[in-house]
Every structure is written in structure tokens, then in C-alpha cells.
Amino acid sequence: MSRLDRAYNIGDLRKLAYKRLPPPIFHYIDGGADDEWTMRRNASAFQRYEIIPDVLSDVSKLKTATTLFGQPIARPLMLAPTGLNRMFHEDAEHAVTRATAKHGLLFGLSTIGTIRLEEVAEQFVGPKVFQVYIFKDRGLTAEFVARCKAAGYHGLALTVDTPVAGNRERDRVHGLSLPPRLTLRSMLSFALHPGWSLPALTGKKFDFANVSHRVDALAGTSMSVVEYMGSQFDRSLTWKDVEWLAREWGGPLAIKGVMSPEDAKRSIESGASGVMISNHGGRQLDGAPAPVDQVAAVRDALGDGPDVICEGGVRRGSDIFKALALGATACSIGRPYLYGLAAGGEAGVDRALTLLTEEFDRTMMLAGVNDVAAIERRHVRVVA
């Protein structure tokens, strides 16, 4: 039995990732902002809800399929856009998309991904969205829109919760640099993790593949790309910019980082087709509420039409069930599949998705529900 086969939950994959990665790299995945209260709360908030099962229901056949961003998916789950995938495994986003395709799920690619969006589209024909920012240089955002149209992306996810980077103290404590490089401080850490270090330091050059072409004047160094990206976040954004992007794109658009019913309504009024309830995995504003606690209020505000995606804290398939019962269309995961990627590349991501989907199916059966469309608010309640 392989070590991945002995990973019986997402927590086990986290332990494997911890063993394989040098501390600065592991803590980049694992850490949050400030005191990390919000990051911890994202997961623990699911424990506030208990599941009220139906009995004597025919669950011999399950209907788990749904639609998201207008595309059919096998289960109400998507892989969130996460940056820097090559920092965790040499196969990077390709390992993630191959596992995603196997499970029939939706994949999100980050602006700061390490493989060009066109290359991802060539190798992954399944449902996919691109995560984008509205930059100070609107030409860069317009370029991404045009490239996504040409490459056949099915939707955009506009991240709106990063007017400034969150205070991620673990990165400072552990001396993370982007890209990872040999320093006196890092040499011992890298030497103790050769399974990660040799491919990372001798393989394909680490690159922010989708934006590196914009920094030719800076000699194209990866650190220059980091500085360039930091300089491009626009703190003057308003809903008018969302309206502009919706017109420019003309397709399914989710606003990522929405936390309140009022902002959810404004998102739809500004041209979005859905919202991703997210606090950036607890990596931005520490003190923000857990996404699952906002799902019911957002769904009540929006009605039945728009996509409502709960992003943050999902560690079990039962968490997905609870979010759907509260009104979510689907859940989005980041750290769970990154732990898998770090632990074992494509096989590790596949293991993470297998665990979550099997747990979700089992929860449906034990709750007496045979169709995701039949999961209702009455199936959960707040623990007394």
C-alpha cells in the first residue's frame, strides 16, 4: 500500500505535504494572515451545522451532477485558482488538470499560475475558468479577456479582496522568497528535502507564465515579475470597473471575495452571473467571517438564479453537503488539492478529490438524499 493510499482524509495529505516540502514552501500553502483566526474559522465553522437526515429514502442511485459557470460538472465542486503551483510540484498545473479531468470537475487557473493559460487549455478540454484582476494597466486585463476568449475558457473569476496583500507572517518567519532560491538560510532546509529540491532547483525555470512577457524591460527575472504584479493592484477599483469587465468579457463571470449579501446583490447588478463567497482562505483580512456562515444570507439575497460558490475551509465531503443545504451551488477548494499536489503530484491531487467526492456521495446516502437538487435548507441546522 502506497503512502497516498494510507491518506484517509485531507489532514493526512497535509501531513505528507509537510514531510515533503521545505518549511518555507509548506507554510506558504498552510499559512494565513495575522493571527490566522479567520483561516482556522473557515474550517471549524462547518462544525456549527448538523445534518438532519431523511430515512427510508431510495439512495441506490445518486444524481450528483450539476452546472457551474454554465458548464456541466460531475459534482458540485471546483478547484479554486491557486498561484505558484510549480513551487509545490514540478508537474504544476498539468498535474492538477489531469486529476480534475478524471473526476469531471471544473478547474480554475490563477493569473499567477506557472503555466500559460493557452497551454492549459490545449491539454485540458474540461470546464475551466480564469481568475483575473482588474489591474492599473487596464490593457493587461483586456489582454487576459481576449486570450481567454481565444483559448476557450468558460468563465472568469474576478478577485476583489486584494487592494493590498494580507499580512502573512509565516512567510516572513520562514524566509520565503519568490521564486525559491538557494541562500545560506534555505540551504539546509532544501538539503533535507531532496525529493522537492532537486526537481525545483534543476528543472524547468520557475515563471509567472501569464504575465512574464509584460516585464521585458526588467530583464524578465521572476522577482521582477513579483514586483511588477505588486505594483499593478489598483486600490481605486469600484463597481464601474466590474461593469466594464462584464461588458468586455460577455460570458459567465463570478466576483470572488464577496462576503456580504449587499455586495452579492451589487455583483449581479453590475453584470456578474455569480459570486464566490471567499475571504481568500484567511490570507487577507483576519477577522472576516467564515464563508459557510454567509451562504444562507447571500442565497436569500440573490434568489435561485445566480451561482453561489462557497470557497474556504472545506475539508470533508460532508462540508460540501452542508454548504449546498444552506444554498450554495457548489464549493471551491484550494489547500486540499495543494496538499495532494505537494504530497504526490497528479496522484496526490487525485487522492484528494477521491476522498472528498467519496465522502460527499456517502453523506448524501446517509442523509437520505439521492439528488443534489433535492438538498434543502431543512437538511441542516445550527448546533444548539
Protein backbone atom coordinates (compact mmCIF):
# COMPACT_ATOMS: atom_id res chain seq x y z
CA MET A 1 0.00 0.00 0.00
CA SER A 2 1.44 3.37 -1.01
CA ARG A 3 1.68 6.31 1.34
CA LEU A 4 -1.05 8.08 -0.63
CA ASP A 5 -3.34 5.07 -0.17
CA ARG A 6 -2.76 5.43 3.56
CA ALA A 7 -4.03 9.02 3.42
CA TYR A 8 -7.57 8.57 4.65
CA ASN A 9 -8.53 12.24 4.79
CA ILE A 10 -7.29 15.68 3.76
CA GLY A 11 -5.49 16.03 7.08
CA ASP A 12 -3.35 13.01 6.20
CA LEU A 13 -2.41 14.61 2.87
CA ARG A 14 -1.42 17.75 4.77
CA LYS A 15 0.96 15.66 6.89
CA LEU A 16 2.51 14.15 3.76
CA ALA A 17 2.93 17.61 2.23
CA TYR A 18 4.62 18.78 5.43
CA LYS A 19 7.13 15.94 5.19
CA ARG A 20 7.94 16.51 1.52
CA LEU A 21 8.18 20.30 1.36
CA PRO A 22 10.85 22.58 2.86
CA PRO A 23 9.31 24.65 5.67
CA PRO A 24 9.12 27.96 3.72
CA ILE A 25 7.16 26.25 0.92
CA PHE A 26 4.83 24.28 3.19
CA HIS A 27 3.98 27.29 5.30
CA TYR A 28 3.19 29.32 2.18
CA ILE A 29 0.37 26.84 1.48
CA ASP A 30 -0.62 26.35 5.08
CA GLY A 31 -0.46 29.87 6.48
CA GLY A 32 -2.88 32.76 6.75
CA ALA A 33 -2.89 36.41 7.74
CA ASP A 34 -2.08 37.94 11.13
CA ASP A 35 -3.25 35.59 13.94
CA GLU A 36 -4.82 33.19 11.41
CA TRP A 37 -8.16 33.33 13.25
CA THR A 38 -10.15 33.57 10.04
CA MET A 39 -8.19 30.77 8.40
CA ARG A 40 -8.96 28.41 11.29
CA ARG A 41 -12.54 29.62 11.49
CA ASN A 42 -13.14 28.81 7.83
CA ALA A 43 -12.85 25.10 8.60
CA SER A 44 -14.22 25.00 12.14
CA ALA A 45 -17.39 26.90 11.16
CA PHE A 46 -18.68 23.82 9.33
CA GLN A 47 -18.92 22.15 12.75
CA ARG A 48 -21.64 24.66 13.70
CA TYR A 49 -24.04 22.80 11.44
CA GLU A 50 -25.52 19.37 11.99
CA ILE A 51 -27.16 17.30 9.27
CA ILE A 52 -30.78 16.24 9.66
CA PRO A 53 -31.17 13.04 7.60
CA ASP A 54 -34.20 11.64 5.85
CA VAL A 55 -34.73 7.91 6.32
CA LEU A 56 -36.30 5.19 4.20
CA SER A 57 -35.25 7.01 1.04
CA ASP A 58 -34.08 5.15 -2.06
CA VAL A 59 -30.41 6.04 -2.39
CA SER A 60 -29.44 3.13 -4.60
CA LYS A 61 -28.69 5.61 -7.38
CA LEU A 62 -27.27 9.09 -6.84
CA LYS A 63 -27.54 12.14 -9.07
CA THR A 64 -24.50 14.22 -8.21
CA ALA A 65 -24.12 16.23 -11.42
CA THR A 66 -24.85 19.94 -11.61
CA THR A 67 -23.84 23.00 -13.63
CA LEU A 68 -21.41 25.76 -12.75
CA PHE A 69 -20.43 28.74 -14.89
CA GLY A 70 -22.97 27.27 -17.31
CA GLN A 71 -20.98 24.05 -17.68
CA PRO A 72 -21.93 20.51 -16.61
CA ILE A 73 -19.76 19.03 -13.84
CA ALA A 74 -19.88 15.62 -12.19
CA ARG A 75 -20.22 17.00 -8.66
CA PRO A 76 -20.77 20.43 -7.07
CA LEU A 77 -17.06 21.04 -6.57
CA MET A 78 -14.45 23.17 -8.32
CA LEU A 79 -10.71 23.55 -7.93
CA ALA A 80 -10.00 27.12 -6.92
CA PRO A 81 -7.44 29.16 -8.85
CA THR A 82 -4.22 28.97 -6.84
CA GLY A 83 -0.93 30.55 -7.82
CA LEU A 84 2.62 29.22 -7.88
CA ASN A 85 1.71 25.55 -8.44
CA ARG A 86 5.18 24.68 -9.70
CA MET A 87 6.56 25.68 -6.33
CA PHE A 88 4.76 22.65 -4.83
CA HIS A 89 5.44 20.03 -7.53
CA GLU A 90 7.37 20.03 -10.80
CA ASP A 91 4.29 18.98 -12.81
CA ALA A 92 2.48 22.10 -11.59
CA GLU A 93 -0.94 22.89 -13.06
CA HIS A 94 -0.74 19.98 -15.51
CA ALA A 95 -0.84 17.52 -12.62
CA VAL A 96 -3.91 19.31 -11.26
CA THR A 97 -5.79 19.44 -14.56
CA ARG A 98 -5.18 15.76 -15.31
CA ALA A 99 -6.70 14.79 -11.95
CA THR A 100 -9.52 17.31 -12.43
CA ALA A 101 -10.39 15.79 -15.81
CA LYS A 102 -10.51 12.32 -14.29
CA HIS A 103 -13.18 13.48 -11.85
CA GLY A 104 -15.18 15.62 -14.27
CA LEU A 105 -14.81 18.80 -12.22
CA LEU A 106 -14.22 22.48 -13.02
CA PHE A 107 -10.68 23.88 -12.90
CA GLY A 108 -9.70 27.45 -12.06
CA LEU A 109 -6.40 28.87 -13.31
CA SER A 110 -4.75 31.76 -11.47
CA THR A 111 -3.31 34.86 -13.09
CA ILE A 112 -0.11 33.98 -11.23
CA GLY A 113 -0.16 30.39 -12.40
CA THR A 114 3.08 28.89 -13.63
CA ILE A 115 1.79 27.56 -16.98
CA ARG A 116 0.39 29.75 -19.76
CA LEU A 117 -3.37 29.80 -19.97
CA GLU A 118 -3.22 28.71 -23.62
CA GLU A 119 -1.12 25.66 -22.75
CA VAL A 120 -3.57 24.67 -20.02
CA ALA A 121 -6.47 24.98 -22.49
CA GLU A 122 -4.70 22.81 -25.05
CA GLN A 123 -4.29 19.96 -22.59
CA PHE A 124 -7.48 20.33 -20.55
CA VAL A 125 -10.70 20.35 -22.53
CA GLY A 126 -12.97 20.27 -19.50
CA PRO A 127 -14.80 23.21 -17.92
CA LYS A 128 -12.35 25.92 -16.89
CA VAL A 129 -12.32 29.47 -15.61
CA PHE A 130 -9.56 32.02 -15.39
CA GLN A 131 -9.03 34.11 -12.27
CA VAL A 132 -8.29 37.70 -13.16
CA TYR A 133 -7.64 41.05 -11.50
CA ILE A 134 -8.50 44.48 -12.80
CA PHE A 135 -5.04 45.99 -12.97
CA LYS A 136 -3.92 49.58 -13.03
CA ASP A 137 -2.93 48.75 -16.58
CA ARG A 138 -6.39 48.03 -17.99
CA GLY A 139 -4.67 46.87 -21.14
CA LEU A 140 -3.31 43.87 -19.25
CA THR A 141 -6.79 42.91 -18.03
CA ALA A 142 -8.22 43.40 -21.53
CA GLU A 143 -5.42 41.21 -22.88
CA PHE A 144 -6.37 38.42 -20.49
CA VAL A 145 -10.01 38.66 -21.56
CA ALA A 146 -9.06 38.37 -25.23
CA ARG A 147 -6.69 35.47 -24.57
CA CYS A 148 -9.33 33.61 -22.55
CA LYS A 149 -11.89 34.05 -25.32
CA ALA A 150 -9.44 32.76 -27.91
CA ALA A 151 -8.42 29.78 -25.75
CA GLY A 152 -11.99 28.73 -24.98
CA TYR A 153 -12.29 29.45 -21.27
CA HIS A 154 -15.85 29.13 -20.00
CA GLY A 155 -15.81 31.85 -17.36
CA LEU A 156 -13.86 34.45 -15.43
CA ALA A 157 -13.49 34.85 -11.67
CA LEU A 158 -12.64 38.42 -10.71
CA THR A 159 -10.76 38.63 -7.41
CA VAL A 160 -11.72 41.78 -5.50
CA ASP A 161 -10.31 41.26 -1.99
CA THR A 162 -6.68 42.23 -2.64
CA PRO A 163 -6.32 46.03 -2.63
CA VAL A 164 -3.19 45.23 -0.62
CA ALA A 165 -1.54 41.94 0.27
CA GLY A 166 -2.51 40.41 3.60
CA ASN A 167 0.00 40.25 6.45
CA ARG A 168 1.22 36.67 6.07
CA GLU A 169 3.66 36.43 8.94
CA ARG A 170 4.60 32.80 8.39
CA ASP A 171 6.24 33.76 5.09
CA ARG A 172 8.43 36.25 6.95
CA VAL A 173 9.26 33.85 9.76
CA HIS A 174 10.31 31.09 7.37
CA GLY A 175 12.09 33.31 4.88
CA LEU A 176 10.03 32.56 1.78
CA SER A 177 11.34 34.04 -1.45
CA LEU A 178 9.64 34.00 -4.83
CA PRO A 179 10.86 32.09 -6.68
CA PRO A 180 12.56 29.80 -4.13
CA ARG A 181 16.33 30.24 -4.33
CA LEU A 182 19.41 29.00 -2.57
CA THR A 183 20.53 31.18 0.31
CA LEU A 184 22.51 30.37 3.44
CA ARG A 185 19.23 30.29 5.32
CA SER A 186 17.49 27.95 2.88
CA MET A 187 20.31 25.53 2.02
CA LEU A 188 19.83 23.21 4.98
CA SER A 189 16.06 23.17 4.58
CA PHE A 190 16.36 22.33 0.87
CA ALA A 191 19.05 19.69 1.50
CA LEU A 192 16.78 17.88 3.94
CA HIS A 193 14.01 17.68 1.31
CA PRO A 194 15.76 16.38 -1.85
CA GLY A 195 12.53 14.98 -3.30
CA TRP A 196 11.34 18.53 -3.66
CA SER A 197 14.64 20.37 -4.04
CA LEU A 198 16.22 18.56 -6.97
CA PRO A 199 13.26 18.97 -9.38
CA ALA A 200 12.55 22.51 -8.13
CA LEU A 201 16.08 23.83 -8.43
CA THR A 202 17.27 21.94 -11.51
CA GLY A 203 14.11 21.58 -13.58
CA LYS A 204 12.13 24.00 -15.70
CA LYS A 205 12.61 27.65 -14.77
CA PHE A 206 10.08 28.97 -12.27
CA ASP A 207 7.98 31.56 -14.06
CA PHE A 208 4.74 33.52 -13.72
CA ALA A 209 3.97 32.38 -17.22
CA ASN A 210 0.94 34.55 -17.92
CA VAL A 211 2.50 37.90 -17.02
CA SER A 212 6.24 37.50 -17.52
CA HIS A 213 6.03 38.88 -21.07
CA ARG A 214 4.96 42.24 -19.62
CA VAL A 215 8.28 42.81 -17.87
CA ASP A 216 10.74 42.55 -20.74
CA ALA A 217 12.21 45.87 -19.74
CA LEU A 218 13.07 44.35 -16.37
CA ALA A 219 15.07 41.52 -17.97
CA GLY A 220 12.28 39.02 -17.30
CA THR A 221 13.53 37.90 -13.88
CA SER A 222 10.94 36.21 -11.71
CA MET A 223 11.49 38.60 -8.83
CA SER A 224 10.87 41.47 -11.21
CA VAL A 225 7.57 39.82 -12.10
CA VAL A 226 6.64 39.72 -8.42
CA GLU A 227 7.43 43.40 -8.08
CA TYR A 228 5.53 44.15 -11.27
CA MET A 229 2.45 42.28 -10.06
CA GLY A 230 2.54 44.09 -6.73
CA SER A 231 2.68 47.42 -8.49
CA GLN A 232 -0.36 46.60 -10.62
CA PHE A 233 -3.01 46.14 -7.93
CA ASP A 234 -5.37 49.09 -8.17
CA ARG A 235 -6.79 50.40 -4.87
CA SER A 236 -9.21 52.72 -6.64
CA LEU A 237 -11.47 49.98 -8.06
CA THR A 238 -15.24 50.47 -7.96
CA TRP A 239 -18.33 48.69 -9.25
CA LYS A 240 -17.92 50.64 -12.50
CA ASP A 241 -14.83 48.53 -13.18
CA VAL A 242 -16.86 45.36 -12.68
CA GLU A 243 -19.40 46.66 -15.19
CA TRP A 244 -16.57 47.32 -17.64
CA LEU A 245 -15.18 43.79 -17.24
CA ALA A 246 -18.62 42.21 -17.61
CA ARG A 247 -19.12 44.05 -20.91
CA GLU A 248 -15.61 43.23 -22.10
CA TRP A 249 -15.98 39.52 -21.32
CA GLY A 250 -19.63 38.94 -22.18
CA GLY A 251 -19.78 35.50 -20.55
CA PRO A 252 -20.18 33.86 -17.13
CA LEU A 253 -18.44 35.99 -14.51
CA ALA A 254 -18.14 35.41 -10.77
CA ILE A 255 -16.97 38.03 -8.31
CA LYS A 256 -14.50 36.32 -5.97
CA GLY A 257 -14.09 37.73 -2.47
CA VAL A 258 -17.71 38.73 -1.81
CA MET A 259 -18.74 38.28 1.82
CA SER A 260 -21.99 40.22 2.32
CA PRO A 261 -25.49 39.91 0.83
CA GLU A 262 -25.33 43.56 -0.17
CA ASP A 263 -22.14 43.10 -2.19
CA ALA A 264 -23.54 39.91 -3.68
CA LYS A 265 -26.57 41.81 -4.98
CA ARG A 266 -24.36 44.59 -6.29
CA SER A 267 -22.24 41.99 -8.11
CA ILE A 268 -25.23 40.71 -10.06
CA GLU A 269 -26.48 44.24 -10.73
CA SER A 270 -23.03 45.06 -12.15
CA GLY A 271 -23.16 42.22 -14.67
CA ALA A 272 -21.82 39.15 -12.86
CA SER A 273 -23.56 35.81 -13.13
CA GLY A 274 -22.49 34.62 -9.70
CA VAL A 275 -20.36 35.17 -6.63
CA MET A 276 -17.63 33.27 -4.85
CA ILE A 277 -18.06 33.77 -1.10
CA SER A 278 -14.44 33.88 -0.07
CA ASN A 279 -12.01 35.51 2.33
CA HIS A 280 -9.00 34.35 0.30
CA GLY A 281 -8.51 31.33 2.51
CA GLY A 282 -7.95 33.57 5.53
CA ARG A 283 -4.92 35.10 3.82
CA GLN A 284 -6.22 38.68 3.56
CA LEU A 285 -8.47 40.21 6.23
CA ASP A 286 -8.09 38.39 9.53
CA GLY A 287 -11.37 38.74 11.37
CA ALA A 288 -13.58 38.16 8.32
CA PRO A 289 -16.41 35.64 8.77
CA ALA A 290 -16.26 32.07 7.52
CA PRO A 291 -17.74 31.71 4.01
CA VAL A 292 -20.12 28.92 5.01
CA ASP A 293 -21.71 31.23 7.58
CA GLN A 294 -22.55 33.72 4.82
CA VAL A 295 -24.06 31.28 2.31
CA ALA A 296 -27.67 31.35 3.51
CA ALA A 297 -27.89 35.15 3.66
CA VAL A 298 -26.28 35.53 0.22
CA ARG A 299 -28.61 32.96 -1.35
CA ASP A 300 -31.63 34.62 0.22
CA ALA A 301 -30.50 37.96 -1.22
CA LEU A 302 -29.89 36.61 -4.73
CA GLY A 303 -32.73 34.15 -5.18
CA ASP A 304 -32.42 30.95 -7.17
CA GLY A 305 -30.65 32.09 -10.34
CA PRO A 306 -27.03 33.11 -9.79
CA ASP A 307 -24.18 30.77 -8.89
CA VAL A 308 -23.20 30.96 -5.23
CA ILE A 309 -19.85 29.26 -4.62
CA CYS A 310 -18.62 28.65 -1.08
CA GLU A 311 -14.83 28.88 -1.01
CA GLY A 312 -12.84 28.25 2.13
CA GLY A 313 -12.49 25.65 4.85
CA VAL A 314 -13.81 22.58 3.03
CA ARG A 315 -12.02 19.53 4.41
CA ARG A 316 -14.72 16.85 4.18
CA GLY A 317 -17.36 15.82 1.68
CA SER A 318 -19.94 16.49 4.38
CA ASP A 319 -18.83 20.13 4.32
CA ILE A 320 -19.92 20.31 0.69
CA PHE A 321 -23.31 18.86 1.62
CA LYS A 322 -23.76 21.43 4.38
CA ALA A 323 -22.88 24.33 2.08
CA LEU A 324 -25.34 23.12 -0.55
CA ALA A 325 -28.07 22.75 2.05
CA LEU A 326 -27.51 26.37 3.07
CA GLY A 327 -27.89 27.49 -0.54
CA ALA A 328 -24.55 27.12 -2.32
CA THR A 329 -24.41 25.95 -5.91
CA ALA A 330 -21.00 24.37 -5.33
CA CYS A 331 -17.89 24.55 -3.18
CA SER A 332 -14.39 25.58 -4.19
CA ILE A 333 -11.23 24.06 -2.71
CA GLY A 334 -7.64 25.31 -2.65
CA ARG A 335 -5.49 23.93 0.16
CA PRO A 336 -6.94 20.37 -0.01
CA TYR A 337 -5.73 19.77 -3.55
CA LEU A 338 -2.48 21.67 -2.99
CA TYR A 339 -1.67 19.33 -0.11
CA GLY A 340 -2.28 16.48 -2.52
CA LEU A 341 -0.17 18.11 -5.23
CA ALA A 342 2.72 18.57 -2.82
CA ALA A 343 2.35 15.05 -1.45
CA GLY A 344 2.34 13.24 -4.78
CA GLY A 345 1.72 15.30 -7.89
CA GLU A 346 -1.19 14.13 -10.04
CA ALA A 347 -1.74 11.04 -7.89
CA GLY A 348 -1.91 13.23 -4.79
CA VAL A 349 -4.49 15.58 -6.32
CA ASP A 350 -6.46 12.55 -7.47
CA ARG A 351 -6.37 11.20 -3.93
CA ALA A 352 -7.66 14.49 -2.51
CA LEU A 353 -10.53 14.60 -5.00
CA THR A 354 -11.34 10.92 -4.49
CA LEU A 355 -11.56 11.40 -0.73
CA LEU A 356 -13.85 14.44 -0.99
CA THR A 357 -16.14 13.02 -3.66
CA GLU A 358 -16.50 9.65 -1.94
CA GLU A 359 -17.26 11.41 1.34
CA PHE A 360 -19.82 13.62 -0.40
CA ASP A 361 -21.55 10.64 -2.01
CA ARG A 362 -21.58 8.78 1.30
CA THR A 363 -23.02 11.81 3.09
CA MET A 364 -25.80 12.07 0.52
CA MET A 365 -26.73 8.43 1.05
CA LEU A 366 -26.60 8.63 4.83
CA ALA A 367 -28.67 11.82 4.72
CA GLY A 368 -31.27 10.07 2.57
CA VAL A 369 -30.89 12.37 -0.43
CA ASN A 370 -30.41 10.89 -3.91
CA ASP A 371 -30.14 14.09 -5.95
CA VAL A 372 -28.06 17.21 -5.31
CA ALA A 373 -31.04 19.25 -6.47
CA ALA A 374 -33.01 17.83 -3.52
CA ILE A 375 -30.57 19.01 -0.82
CA GLU A 376 -32.55 21.65 1.09
CA ARG A 377 -32.17 24.09 3.96
CA ARG A 378 -34.13 21.70 6.19
CA HIS A 379 -31.28 19.19 5.97
CA VAL A 380 -29.05 21.30 8.24
CA ARG A 381 -29.45 23.32 11.38
CA VAL A 382 -27.15 25.21 13.73
CA VAL A 383 -25.97 23.09 16.63
CA ALA A 384 -27.77 24.11 19.80
